[in-house]
């Protein structure tokens, strides 16, 4: 028994050494994937490296403890690229492009429309152009939009839910209580990322939930996004490309992407 135990311990030690080496390589690969994608789901990472979801979960937890990435529900995000800026910070980026995009989007609206205005600085730029539209009805989950338009002409219906400080919006399952009772002609939707395969996505699952629900309650979905966000993916999927009717963006969009979107039935308008 002693001889067997000794041999068994030696064999275990031999097996542990290469396993530790493989774990180090696997975690390096996982970190590369999260950094490249900016955000990744557990299932996608597990498939990419060929191990179980449980193994990936343990690896991500350990890397998060070492401050190599940030763990979020269902996956991980890169520390440098996916920590979403606060709404006020985003509002100062690409201001001219956002104002042009907003103006082109507002040109698609009619004075008697019922419209959903999503969260986001580009959608807020569109809201500023709607002051005085006193026959317009606006449904919104954005606190800045409600503050901008409250008492300024349009009838404003504010969607309640969990308040997300980063985007200054009400998001999550509680927004269903109102959104499922209304229908809007057009929905102006902002996004953190948009790609052909990944569709519209953002950094937060609760925010993605509300974007998806708002899109379902609209006859026409109009996405407002500057070209920096195109061809990229984020953590939480909101809607597929097939759910988008119109994309309003700036002239920095890749012409190949324009053709690919048009082939999938999306009207692309550049500002």
C-alpha atoms as a PDB file:
ATOM      1  CA  UNK A   1       0.000   0.000   0.000  1.00  0.00           C
ATOM      2  CA  UNK A   2       2.811   2.390   0.785  1.00  0.00           C
ATOM      3  CA  UNK A   3       4.492   1.663  -2.532  1.00  0.00           C
ATOM      4  CA  UNK A   4       1.195   2.198  -4.381  1.00  0.00           C
ATOM      5  CA  UNK A   5       0.534   5.429  -2.551  1.00  0.00           C
ATOM      6  CA  UNK A   6       4.003   6.739  -3.361  1.00  0.00           C
ATOM      7  CA  UNK A   7       3.669   5.884  -7.042  1.00  0.00           C
ATOM      8  CA  UNK A   8       0.196   7.421  -7.156  1.00  0.00           C
ATOM      9  CA  UNK A   9       1.420  10.666  -5.586  1.00  0.00           C
ATOM     10  CA  UNK A  10       4.315  10.877  -8.033  1.00  0.00           C
ATOM     11  CA  UNK A  11       1.955  10.316 -10.964  1.00  0.00           C
ATOM     12  CA  UNK A  12      -0.402  13.003  -9.678  1.00  0.00           C
ATOM     13  CA  UNK A  13       2.442  15.441  -9.310  1.00  0.00           C
ATOM     14  CA  UNK A  14       3.581  14.705 -12.862  1.00  0.00           C
ATOM     15  CA  UNK A  15       0.050  15.301 -14.160  1.00  0.00           C
ATOM     16  CA  UNK A  16      -0.325  18.553 -12.233  1.00  0.00           C
ATOM     17  CA  UNK A  17       2.780  20.145 -13.688  1.00  0.00           C
ATOM     18  CA  UNK A  18       1.667  20.146 -17.350  1.00  0.00           C
ATOM     19  CA  UNK A  19      -1.898  21.009 -16.273  1.00  0.00           C
ATOM     20  CA  UNK A  20      -0.657  24.141 -14.556  1.00  0.00           C
ATOM     21  CA  UNK A  21       1.292  25.005 -17.690  1.00  0.00           C
ATOM     22  CA  UNK A  22      -1.781  24.479 -19.876  1.00  0.00           C
ATOM     23  CA  UNK A  23      -3.912  26.558 -17.515  1.00  0.00           C
ATOM     24  CA  UNK A  24      -1.460  29.432 -17.850  1.00  0.00           C
ATOM     25  CA  UNK A  25      -1.633  29.223 -21.660  1.00  0.00           C
ATOM     26  CA  UNK A  26      -5.422  28.935 -21.575  1.00  0.00           C
ATOM     27  CA  UNK A  27      -5.811  32.022 -19.398  1.00  0.00           C
ATOM     28  CA  UNK A  28      -3.480  33.977 -21.637  1.00  0.00           C
ATOM     29  CA  UNK A  29      -5.646  32.958 -24.587  1.00  0.00           C
ATOM     30  CA  UNK A  30      -8.811  33.950 -22.719  1.00  0.00           C
ATOM     31  CA  UNK A  31      -7.361  37.336 -21.881  1.00  0.00           C
ATOM     32  CA  UNK A  32      -6.438  37.871 -25.535  1.00  0.00           C
ATOM     33  CA  UNK A  33      -9.989  36.993 -26.596  1.00  0.00           C
ATOM     34  CA  UNK A  34     -11.624  39.317 -24.074  1.00  0.00           C
ATOM     35  CA  UNK A  35      -9.239  42.138 -25.001  1.00  0.00           C
ATOM     36  CA  UNK A  36      -9.829  41.688 -28.736  1.00  0.00           C
ATOM     37  CA  UNK A  37     -13.612  41.471 -28.437  1.00  0.00           C
ATOM     38  CA  UNK A  38     -13.801  44.042 -25.616  1.00  0.00           C
ATOM     39  CA  UNK A  39     -16.463  41.800 -24.052  1.00  0.00           C
ATOM     40  CA  UNK A  40     -17.197  38.077 -24.254  1.00  0.00           C
ATOM     41  CA  UNK A  41     -19.728  35.554 -22.973  1.00  0.00           C
ATOM     42  CA  UNK A  42     -18.747  32.460 -20.990  1.00  0.00           C
ATOM     43  CA  UNK A  43     -20.175  30.093 -23.609  1.00  0.00           C
ATOM     44  CA  UNK A  44     -18.292  31.751 -26.474  1.00  0.00           C
ATOM     45  CA  UNK A  45     -14.993  31.667 -24.573  1.00  0.00           C
ATOM     46  CA  UNK A  46     -15.469  28.039 -23.584  1.00  0.00           C
ATOM     47  CA  UNK A  47     -16.053  27.093 -27.208  1.00  0.00           C
ATOM     48  CA  UNK A  48     -13.063  29.120 -28.394  1.00  0.00           C
ATOM     49  CA  UNK A  49     -10.577  27.435 -26.037  1.00  0.00           C
ATOM     50  CA  UNK A  50     -12.219  24.005 -25.962  1.00  0.00           C
ATOM     51  CA  UNK A  51     -12.979  23.643 -22.259  1.00  0.00           C
ATOM     52  CA  UNK A  52     -16.089  23.647 -20.087  1.00  0.00           C
ATOM     53  CA  UNK A  53     -17.984  26.769 -19.051  1.00  0.00           C
ATOM     54  CA  UNK A  54     -17.164  25.931 -15.425  1.00  0.00           C
ATOM     55  CA  UNK A  55     -13.424  25.971 -16.200  1.00  0.00           C
ATOM     56  CA  UNK A  56     -13.694  29.310 -17.986  1.00  0.00           C
ATOM     57  CA  UNK A  57     -15.694  30.725 -15.078  1.00  0.00           C
ATOM     58  CA  UNK A  58     -12.924  29.760 -12.634  1.00  0.00           C
ATOM     59  CA  UNK A  59     -10.263  31.191 -14.939  1.00  0.00           C
ATOM     60  CA  UNK A  60     -12.115  34.496 -15.311  1.00  0.00           C
ATOM     61  CA  UNK A  61     -12.662  34.758 -11.570  1.00  0.00           C
ATOM     62  CA  UNK A  62      -8.943  34.303 -10.947  1.00  0.00           C
ATOM     63  CA  UNK A  63      -7.974  36.826 -13.640  1.00  0.00           C
ATOM     64  CA  UNK A  64     -10.486  39.322 -12.257  1.00  0.00           C
ATOM     65  CA  UNK A  65      -8.901  38.903  -8.817  1.00  0.00           C
ATOM     66  CA  UNK A  66      -5.560  39.786 -10.445  1.00  0.00           C
ATOM     67  CA  UNK A  67      -7.218  42.886 -12.007  1.00  0.00           C
ATOM     68  CA  UNK A  68      -6.576  41.617 -15.536  1.00  0.00           C
ATOM     69  CA  UNK A  69     -10.220  41.959 -16.614  1.00  0.00           C
ATOM     70  CA  UNK A  70     -13.623  42.707 -15.136  1.00  0.00           C
ATOM     71  CA  UNK A  71     -16.168  40.002 -14.440  1.00  0.00           C
ATOM     72  CA  UNK A  72     -19.777  40.683 -15.312  1.00  0.00           C
ATOM     73  CA  UNK A  73     -22.802  38.413 -15.173  1.00  0.00           C
ATOM     74  CA  UNK A  74     -22.349  35.767 -17.860  1.00  0.00           C
ATOM     75  CA  UNK A  75     -18.869  36.756 -19.010  1.00  0.00           C
ATOM     76  CA  UNK A  76     -16.114  39.336 -18.802  1.00  0.00           C
ATOM     77  CA  UNK A  77     -15.138  42.709 -20.227  1.00  0.00           C
ATOM     78  CA  UNK A  78     -11.748  44.267 -20.921  1.00  0.00           C
ATOM     79  CA  UNK A  79     -10.631  46.832 -18.386  1.00  0.00           C
ATOM     80  CA  UNK A  80      -9.299  49.246 -20.985  1.00  0.00           C
ATOM     81  CA  UNK A  81     -11.952  49.062 -23.654  1.00  0.00           C
ATOM     82  CA  UNK A  82     -15.288  48.110 -22.183  1.00  0.00           C
ATOM     83  CA  UNK A  83     -15.725  50.130 -19.036  1.00  0.00           C
ATOM     84  CA  UNK A  84     -18.467  52.285 -20.478  1.00  0.00           C
ATOM     85  CA  UNK A  85     -17.962  56.024 -20.010  1.00  0.00           C
ATOM     86  CA  UNK A  86     -20.571  57.975 -18.071  1.00  0.00           C
ATOM     87  CA  UNK A  87     -23.282  59.640 -20.135  1.00  0.00           C
ATOM     88  CA  UNK A  88     -21.799  63.096 -19.537  1.00  0.00           C
ATOM     89  CA  UNK A  89     -18.416  61.966 -20.898  1.00  0.00           C
ATOM     90  CA  UNK A  90     -19.938  60.390 -24.013  1.00  0.00           C
ATOM     91  CA  UNK A  91     -21.905  63.563 -24.693  1.00  0.00           C
ATOM     92  CA  UNK A  92     -18.622  65.418 -25.330  1.00  0.00           C
ATOM     93  CA  UNK A  93     -17.377  62.911 -27.951  1.00  0.00           C
ATOM     94  CA  UNK A  94     -17.882  63.333 -31.735  1.00  0.00           C
ATOM     95  CA  UNK A  95     -20.345  66.161 -31.075  1.00  0.00           C
ATOM     96  CA  UNK A  96     -20.511  67.426 -34.669  1.00  0.00           C
ATOM     97  CA  UNK A  97     -21.133  63.947 -36.073  1.00  0.00           C
ATOM     98  CA  UNK A  98     -23.846  63.259 -33.503  1.00  0.00           C
ATOM     99  CA  UNK A  99     -25.628  66.521 -34.272  1.00  0.00           C
ATOM    100  CA  UNK A 100     -25.626  65.761 -38.010  1.00  0.00           C
ATOM    101  CA  UNK A 101     -26.889  62.229 -37.375  1.00  0.00           C
ATOM    102  CA  UNK A 102     -29.588  63.589 -35.061  1.00  0.00           C
ATOM    103  CA  UNK A 103     -30.780  66.094 -37.672  1.00  0.00           C
ATOM    104  CA  UNK A 104     -31.077  63.407 -40.372  1.00  0.00           C
ATOM    105  CA  UNK A 105     -32.981  61.145 -37.985  1.00  0.00           C
ATOM    106  CA  UNK A 106     -35.425  63.872 -36.968  1.00  0.00           C
ATOM    107  CA  UNK A 107     -36.104  64.534 -40.672  1.00  0.00           C
ATOM    108  CA  UNK A 108     -37.650  61.046 -40.776  1.00  0.00           C
ATOM    109  CA  UNK A 109     -40.294  61.968 -38.193  1.00  0.00           C
ATOM    110  CA  UNK A 110     -43.703  63.535 -38.753  1.00  0.00           C
ATOM    111  CA  UNK A 111     -45.297  66.198 -36.526  1.00  0.00           C
ATOM    112  CA  UNK A 112     -48.081  63.856 -35.350  1.00  0.00           C
ATOM    113  CA  UNK A 113     -45.915  60.782 -34.773  1.00  0.00           C
ATOM    114  CA  UNK A 114     -45.671  58.691 -31.654  1.00  0.00           C
ATOM    115  CA  UNK A 115     -41.952  58.001 -31.205  1.00  0.00           C
ATOM    116  CA  UNK A 116     -39.748  56.147 -28.757  1.00  0.00           C
ATOM    117  CA  UNK A 117     -36.507  57.912 -27.819  1.00  0.00           C
ATOM    118  CA  UNK A 118     -33.862  55.609 -26.382  1.00  0.00           C
ATOM    119  CA  UNK A 119     -30.995  56.511 -24.087  1.00  0.00           C
ATOM    120  CA  UNK A 120     -27.746  57.825 -25.508  1.00  0.00           C
ATOM    121  CA  UNK A 121     -26.117  61.133 -26.349  1.00  0.00           C
ATOM    122  CA  UNK A 122     -26.977  60.977 -30.070  1.00  0.00           C
ATOM    123  CA  UNK A 123     -30.647  60.372 -29.316  1.00  0.00           C
ATOM    124  CA  UNK A 124     -30.530  63.254 -26.839  1.00  0.00           C
ATOM    125  CA  UNK A 125     -29.198  65.464 -29.644  1.00  0.00           C
ATOM    126  CA  UNK A 126     -32.268  64.443 -31.652  1.00  0.00           C
ATOM    127  CA  UNK A 127     -34.541  65.232 -28.704  1.00  0.00           C
ATOM    128  CA  UNK A 128     -33.207  68.799 -28.571  1.00  0.00           C
ATOM    129  CA  UNK A 129     -34.457  69.291 -32.118  1.00  0.00           C
ATOM    130  CA  UNK A 130     -37.972  68.228 -31.109  1.00  0.00           C
ATOM    131  CA  UNK A 131     -38.632  71.103 -28.739  1.00  0.00           C
ATOM    132  CA  UNK A 132     -41.809  72.862 -29.857  1.00  0.00           C
ATOM    133  CA  UNK A 133     -43.254  69.796 -31.623  1.00  0.00           C
ATOM    134  CA  UNK A 134     -46.498  70.085 -29.668  1.00  0.00           C
ATOM    135  CA  UNK A 135     -48.383  67.379 -31.610  1.00  0.00           C
ATOM    136  CA  UNK A 136     -45.661  64.768 -31.068  1.00  0.00           C
ATOM    137  CA  UNK A 137     -45.911  62.012 -28.442  1.00  0.00           C
ATOM    138  CA  UNK A 138     -42.599  60.827 -27.010  1.00  0.00           C
ATOM    139  CA  UNK A 139     -42.094  57.619 -25.023  1.00  0.00           C
ATOM    140  CA  UNK A 140     -38.657  57.461 -23.453  1.00  0.00           C
ATOM    141  CA  UNK A 141     -36.575  55.642 -20.852  1.00  0.00           C
ATOM    142  CA  UNK A 142     -33.970  58.434 -20.852  1.00  0.00           C
ATOM    143  CA  UNK A 143     -33.976  60.884 -17.956  1.00  0.00           C
ATOM    144  CA  UNK A 144     -32.027  63.532 -19.955  1.00  0.00           C
ATOM    145  CA  UNK A 145     -34.555  63.260 -22.802  1.00  0.00           C
ATOM    146  CA  UNK A 146     -37.463  63.646 -20.360  1.00  0.00           C
ATOM    147  CA  UNK A 147     -35.775  66.676 -18.791  1.00  0.00           C
ATOM    148  CA  UNK A 148     -35.128  68.161 -22.234  1.00  0.00           C
ATOM    149  CA  UNK A 149     -38.669  67.775 -23.556  1.00  0.00           C
ATOM    150  CA  UNK A 150     -40.775  67.977 -20.416  1.00  0.00           C
ATOM    151  CA  UNK A 151     -42.930  71.079 -20.817  1.00  0.00           C
ATOM    152  CA  UNK A 152     -41.244  71.930 -24.123  1.00  0.00           C
ATOM    153  CA  UNK A 153     -43.962  70.888 -26.542  1.00  0.00           C
ATOM    154  CA  UNK A 154     -44.250  67.124 -27.031  1.00  0.00           C
ATOM    155  CA  UNK A 155     -46.338  64.903 -24.790  1.00  0.00           C
ATOM    156  CA  UNK A 156     -43.765  62.903 -22.787  1.00  0.00           C
ATOM    157  CA  UNK A 157     -44.318  59.422 -21.318  1.00  0.00           C
ATOM    158  CA  UNK A 158     -41.432  58.289 -19.123  1.00  0.00           C
ATOM    159  CA  UNK A 159     -40.727  54.558 -18.848  1.00  0.00           C
ATOM    160  CA  UNK A 160     -40.010  53.445 -15.285  1.00  0.00           C
ATOM    161  CA  UNK A 161     -37.578  50.767 -14.165  1.00  0.00           C
ATOM    162  CA  UNK A 162     -34.160  50.346 -12.591  1.00  0.00           C
ATOM    163  CA  UNK A 163     -32.149  53.554 -12.972  1.00  0.00           C
ATOM    164  CA  UNK A 164     -28.723  53.007 -14.552  1.00  0.00           C
ATOM    165  CA  UNK A 165     -26.486  55.936 -13.676  1.00  0.00           C
ATOM    166  CA  UNK A 166     -23.963  55.292 -16.467  1.00  0.00           C
ATOM    167  CA  UNK A 167     -26.518  55.856 -19.220  1.00  0.00           C
ATOM    168  CA  UNK A 168     -28.934  57.984 -17.167  1.00  0.00           C
ATOM    169  CA  UNK A 169     -31.748  55.657 -18.237  1.00  0.00           C
ATOM    170  CA  UNK A 170     -34.383  53.343 -16.769  1.00  0.00           C
ATOM    171  CA  UNK A 171     -33.666  49.778 -17.860  1.00  0.00           C
ATOM    172  CA  UNK A 172     -34.344  46.131 -17.112  1.00  0.00           C
ATOM    173  CA  UNK A 173     -37.373  43.849 -16.773  1.00  0.00           C
ATOM    174  CA  UNK A 174     -39.481  46.432 -14.910  1.00  0.00           C
ATOM    175  CA  UNK A 175     -39.603  48.571 -18.072  1.00  0.00           C
ATOM    176  CA  UNK A 176     -41.799  45.854 -19.556  1.00  0.00           C
ATOM    177  CA  UNK A 177     -44.789  47.017 -17.496  1.00  0.00           C
ATOM    178  CA  UNK A 178     -45.192  50.141 -19.625  1.00  0.00           C
ATOM    179  CA  UNK A 179     -43.555  49.210 -22.902  1.00  0.00           C
ATOM    180  CA  UNK A 180     -45.776  46.183 -23.437  1.00  0.00           C
ATOM    181  CA  UNK A 181     -48.853  48.436 -23.217  1.00  0.00           C
ATOM    182  CA  UNK A 182     -47.820  50.897 -25.949  1.00  0.00           C
ATOM    183  CA  UNK A 183     -47.028  50.887 -29.655  1.00  0.00           C
ATOM    184  CA  UNK A 184     -44.963  53.550 -31.389  1.00  0.00           C
ATOM    185  CA  UNK A 185     -44.602  54.378 -35.044  1.00  0.00           C
ATOM    186  CA  UNK A 186     -40.850  54.926 -34.899  1.00  0.00           C
ATOM    187  CA  UNK A 187     -38.156  54.093 -32.358  1.00  0.00           C
ATOM    188  CA  UNK A 188     -34.894  56.042 -32.322  1.00  0.00           C
ATOM    189  CA  UNK A 189     -32.391  53.660 -30.755  1.00  0.00           C
ATOM    190  CA  UNK A 190     -28.825  54.361 -29.684  1.00  0.00           C
ATOM    191  CA  UNK A 191     -26.144  51.703 -29.362  1.00  0.00           C
ATOM    192  CA  UNK A 192     -22.697  51.007 -27.972  1.00  0.00           C
ATOM    193  CA  UNK A 193     -21.793  48.640 -30.822  1.00  0.00           C
ATOM    194  CA  UNK A 194     -23.246  47.255 -34.053  1.00  0.00           C
ATOM    195  CA  UNK A 195     -22.038  44.501 -36.381  1.00  0.00           C
ATOM    196  CA  UNK A 196     -23.488  42.292 -39.096  1.00  0.00           C
ATOM    197  CA  UNK A 197     -23.275  39.109 -37.057  1.00  0.00           C
ATOM    198  CA  UNK A 198     -23.702  40.517 -33.559  1.00  0.00           C
ATOM    199  CA  UNK A 199     -26.431  43.007 -34.381  1.00  0.00           C
ATOM    200  CA  UNK A 200     -26.986  45.795 -31.893  1.00  0.00           C
ATOM    201  CA  UNK A 201     -25.258  45.296 -28.543  1.00  0.00           C
ATOM    202  CA  UNK A 202     -24.282  47.164 -25.415  1.00  0.00           C
ATOM    203  CA  UNK A 203     -22.275  46.686 -22.237  1.00  0.00           C
ATOM    204  CA  UNK A 204     -25.207  46.032 -19.919  1.00  0.00           C
ATOM    205  CA  UNK A 205     -27.735  43.187 -20.108  1.00  0.00           C
ATOM    206  CA  UNK A 206     -30.534  45.202 -18.494  1.00  0.00           C
ATOM    207  CA  UNK A 207     -30.064  48.006 -21.009  1.00  0.00           C
ATOM    208  CA  UNK A 208     -30.015  45.509 -23.886  1.00  0.00           C
ATOM    209  CA  UNK A 209     -33.295  44.051 -22.599  1.00  0.00           C
ATOM    210  CA  UNK A 210     -35.044  47.420 -22.762  1.00  0.00           C
ATOM    211  CA  UNK A 211     -33.626  48.271 -26.192  1.00  0.00           C
ATOM    212  CA  UNK A 212     -34.892  44.945 -27.537  1.00  0.00           C
ATOM    213  CA  UNK A 213     -38.346  45.434 -26.075  1.00  0.00           C
ATOM    214  CA  UNK A 214     -38.624  48.991 -27.399  1.00  0.00           C
ATOM    215  CA  UNK A 215     -37.651  47.783 -30.874  1.00  0.00           C
ATOM    216  CA  UNK A 216     -40.372  45.135 -30.726  1.00  0.00           C
ATOM    217  CA  UNK A 217     -42.988  47.792 -29.914  1.00  0.00           C
ATOM    218  CA  UNK A 218     -42.159  49.941 -32.964  1.00  0.00           C
ATOM    219  CA  UNK A 219     -43.300  49.802 -36.566  1.00  0.00           C
ATOM    220  CA  UNK A 220     -39.953  51.227 -37.732  1.00  0.00           C
ATOM    221  CA  UNK A 221     -36.627  50.925 -35.900  1.00  0.00           C
ATOM    222  CA  UNK A 222     -34.131  53.706 -36.613  1.00  0.00           C
ATOM    223  CA  UNK A 223     -30.651  53.244 -35.145  1.00  0.00           C
ATOM    224  CA  UNK A 224     -28.488  56.309 -34.540  1.00  0.00           C
ATOM    225  CA  UNK A 225     -24.775  55.463 -34.365  1.00  0.00           C
ATOM    226  CA  UNK A 226     -21.583  57.218 -35.381  1.00  0.00           C
ATOM    227  CA  UNK A 227     -19.201  55.174 -37.519  1.00  0.00           C
ATOM    228  CA  UNK A 228     -16.787  54.466 -34.638  1.00  0.00           C
ATOM    229  CA  UNK A 229     -19.341  52.014 -33.226  1.00  0.00           C
ATOM    230  CA  UNK A 230     -19.892  50.093 -36.448  1.00  0.00           C
ATOM    231  CA  UNK A 231     -18.267  46.724 -37.027  1.00  0.00           C
ATOM    232  CA  UNK A 232     -17.824  46.211 -33.278  1.00  0.00           C
ATOM    233  CA  UNK A 233     -19.501  43.954 -30.711  1.00  0.00           C
ATOM    234  CA  UNK A 234     -20.234  44.433 -27.054  1.00  0.00           C
ATOM    235  CA  UNK A 235     -21.241  42.131 -24.217  1.00  0.00           C
ATOM    236  CA  UNK A 236     -25.033  42.111 -24.254  1.00  0.00           C
ATOM    237  CA  UNK A 237     -26.966  41.429 -27.467  1.00  0.00           C
ATOM    238  CA  UNK A 238     -30.088  43.556 -27.959  1.00  0.00           C
ATOM    239  CA  UNK A 239     -31.420  43.040 -31.503  1.00  0.00           C
ATOM    240  CA  UNK A 240     -30.298  41.311 -34.702  1.00  0.00           C
ATOM    241  CA  UNK A 241     -29.649  43.289 -37.864  1.00  0.00           C
ATOM    242  CA  UNK A 242     -32.961  41.983 -39.225  1.00  0.00           C
ATOM    243  CA  UNK A 243     -34.819  44.039 -36.599  1.00  0.00           C
ATOM    244  CA  UNK A 244     -33.322  47.323 -37.857  1.00  0.00           C
ATOM    245  CA  UNK A 245     -35.051  49.278 -40.622  1.00  0.00           C
ATOM    246  CA  UNK A 246     -32.815  52.341 -40.887  1.00  0.00           C
ATOM    247  CA  UNK A 247     -29.266  53.147 -39.770  1.00  0.00           C
ATOM    248  CA  UNK A 248     -28.363  56.826 -39.571  1.00  0.00           C
ATOM    249  CA  UNK A 249     -24.602  57.323 -39.282  1.00  0.00           C
ATOM    250  CA  UNK A 250     -21.796  59.573 -40.501  1.00  0.00           C
ATOM    251  CA  UNK A 251     -19.835  59.344 -43.731  1.00  0.00           C
ATOM    252  CA  UNK A 252     -17.009  57.442 -42.037  1.00  0.00           C
ATOM    253  CA  UNK A 253     -18.882  54.159 -42.483  1.00  0.00           C
ATOM    254  CA  UNK A 254     -17.073  51.489 -44.521  1.00  0.00           C
ATOM    255  CA  UNK A 255     -18.680  51.249 -48.010  1.00  0.00           C
ATOM    256  CA  UNK A 256     -18.484  47.440 -47.806  1.00  0.00           C
ATOM    257  CA  UNK A 257     -20.546  47.566 -44.620  1.00  0.00           C
ATOM    258  CA  UNK A 258     -23.082  49.833 -46.320  1.00  0.00           C
ATOM    259  CA  UNK A 259     -23.575  47.279 -49.095  1.00  0.00           C
ATOM    260  CA  UNK A 260     -23.796  44.387 -46.653  1.00  0.00           C
ATOM    261  CA  UNK A 261     -26.412  46.193 -44.563  1.00  0.00           C
ATOM    262  CA  UNK A 262     -28.434  47.119 -47.640  1.00  0.00           C
ATOM    263  CA  UNK A 263     -28.376  43.481 -48.754  1.00  0.00           C
ATOM    264  CA  UNK A 264     -29.950  42.608 -45.393  1.00  0.00           C
ATOM    265  CA  UNK A 265     -32.725  45.143 -45.862  1.00  0.00           C
ATOM    266  CA  UNK A 266     -31.329  48.035 -43.816  1.00  0.00           C
ATOM    267  CA  UNK A 267     -31.607  51.533 -45.281  1.00  0.00           C
ATOM    268  CA  UNK A 268     -28.342  53.396 -44.571  1.00  0.00           C
ATOM    269  CA  UNK A 269     -28.454  57.176 -44.330  1.00  0.00           C
ATOM    270  CA  UNK A 270     -25.186  59.107 -43.924  1.00  0.00           C
ATOM    271  CA  UNK A 271     -25.009  62.556 -42.431  1.00  0.00           C
END
